[in-house]
Amino acid sequence: MTLNLRQLDTRSADFEASFERLRHWSAEADAAIESRVAEILADVRARGDAAVLECTARFDALTATSMAR
């Protein structure tokens, strides 16, 4: 998964236009996001804590061995 980050400068003359472009998602992007979230939720329902721990490692780059504090 590639993550593209954009940096905006509020002092820039085109800030408002650039920010507005970032706020609008295409219907295809919305559908893809909703589909992926549904897959993650289904995995958590099926596998419980193990799935949550894998997502934590994948998305947050944190390694935990259990859900306990």
Protein backbone atom coordinates (compact mmCIF):
# COMPACT_ATOMS: atom_id res chain seq x y z
CA MET A 1 0.00 0.00 0.00
CA THR A 2 1.39 3.37 -1.02
CA LEU A 3 0.50 6.45 0.95
CA ASN A 4 0.79 9.77 -0.83
CA LEU A 5 0.91 12.74 1.52
CA ARG A 6 0.38 16.29 0.35
CA GLN A 7 1.41 19.31 2.33
CA LEU A 8 -0.61 22.48 2.05
CA ASP A 9 0.47 25.92 3.15
CA THR A 10 -2.33 28.18 4.41
CA ARG A 11 -0.29 31.18 3.25
CA SER A 12 -0.31 29.96 -0.35
CA ALA A 13 -2.49 31.86 -2.82
CA ASP A 14 -4.11 28.63 -4.04
CA PHE A 15 -4.64 27.11 -0.58
CA GLU A 16 -8.45 27.26 -0.64
CA ALA A 17 -8.68 25.64 -4.08
CA SER A 18 -6.11 22.97 -3.19
CA PHE A 19 -7.85 22.21 0.09
CA GLU A 20 -11.24 21.95 -1.62
CA ARG A 21 -9.82 19.47 -4.17
CA LEU A 22 -8.54 17.29 -1.32
CA ARG A 23 -11.90 17.33 0.46
CA HIS A 24 -13.81 15.88 -2.49
CA TRP A 25 -13.70 12.14 -3.00
CA SER A 26 -14.88 10.37 -6.08
CA ALA A 27 -17.73 7.89 -5.85
CA GLU A 28 -15.26 5.16 -6.87
CA ALA A 29 -12.94 6.05 -4.00
CA ASP A 30 -15.85 6.09 -1.54
CA ALA A 31 -16.99 2.66 -2.72
CA ALA A 32 -13.47 1.24 -2.47
CA ILE A 33 -13.03 2.60 1.05
CA GLU A 34 -16.40 1.29 2.21
CA SER A 35 -15.63 -2.11 0.71
CA ARG A 36 -12.25 -2.34 2.44
CA VAL A 37 -13.71 -1.23 5.78
CA ALA A 38 -16.43 -3.88 5.45
CA GLU A 39 -13.74 -6.52 4.85
CA ILE A 40 -11.82 -5.41 7.93
CA LEU A 41 -14.96 -5.43 10.08
CA ALA A 42 -15.92 -8.89 8.84
CA ASP A 43 -12.42 -10.15 9.67
CA VAL A 44 -12.63 -8.66 13.18
CA ARG A 45 -16.04 -10.27 13.69
CA ALA A 46 -14.71 -13.62 12.51
CA ARG A 47 -11.30 -13.62 14.20
CA GLY A 48 -11.71 -11.13 17.02
CA ASP A 49 -8.65 -9.84 18.83
CA ALA A 50 -6.22 -11.54 16.44
CA ALA A 51 -7.59 -9.47 13.56
CA VAL A 52 -7.47 -6.27 15.62
CA LEU A 53 -3.86 -6.94 16.57
CA GLU A 54 -2.94 -7.53 12.92
CA CYS A 55 -4.65 -4.28 11.88
CA THR A 56 -2.85 -2.43 14.67
CA ALA A 57 0.48 -3.72 13.41
CA ARG A 58 -0.36 -2.98 9.78
CA PHE A 59 -1.98 0.44 10.07
CA ASP A 60 -0.44 1.86 13.24
CA ALA A 61 2.96 0.15 13.08
CA LEU A 62 2.51 -0.97 16.69
CA THR A 63 3.18 -4.50 17.82
CA ALA A 64 1.07 -5.90 20.63
CA THR A 65 0.68 -9.48 21.76
CA SER A 66 -2.73 -9.06 23.36
CA MET A 67 -5.59 -6.64 23.82
CA ALA A 68 -4.99 -6.51 27.58
CA ARG A 69 -3.50 -3.37 29.10
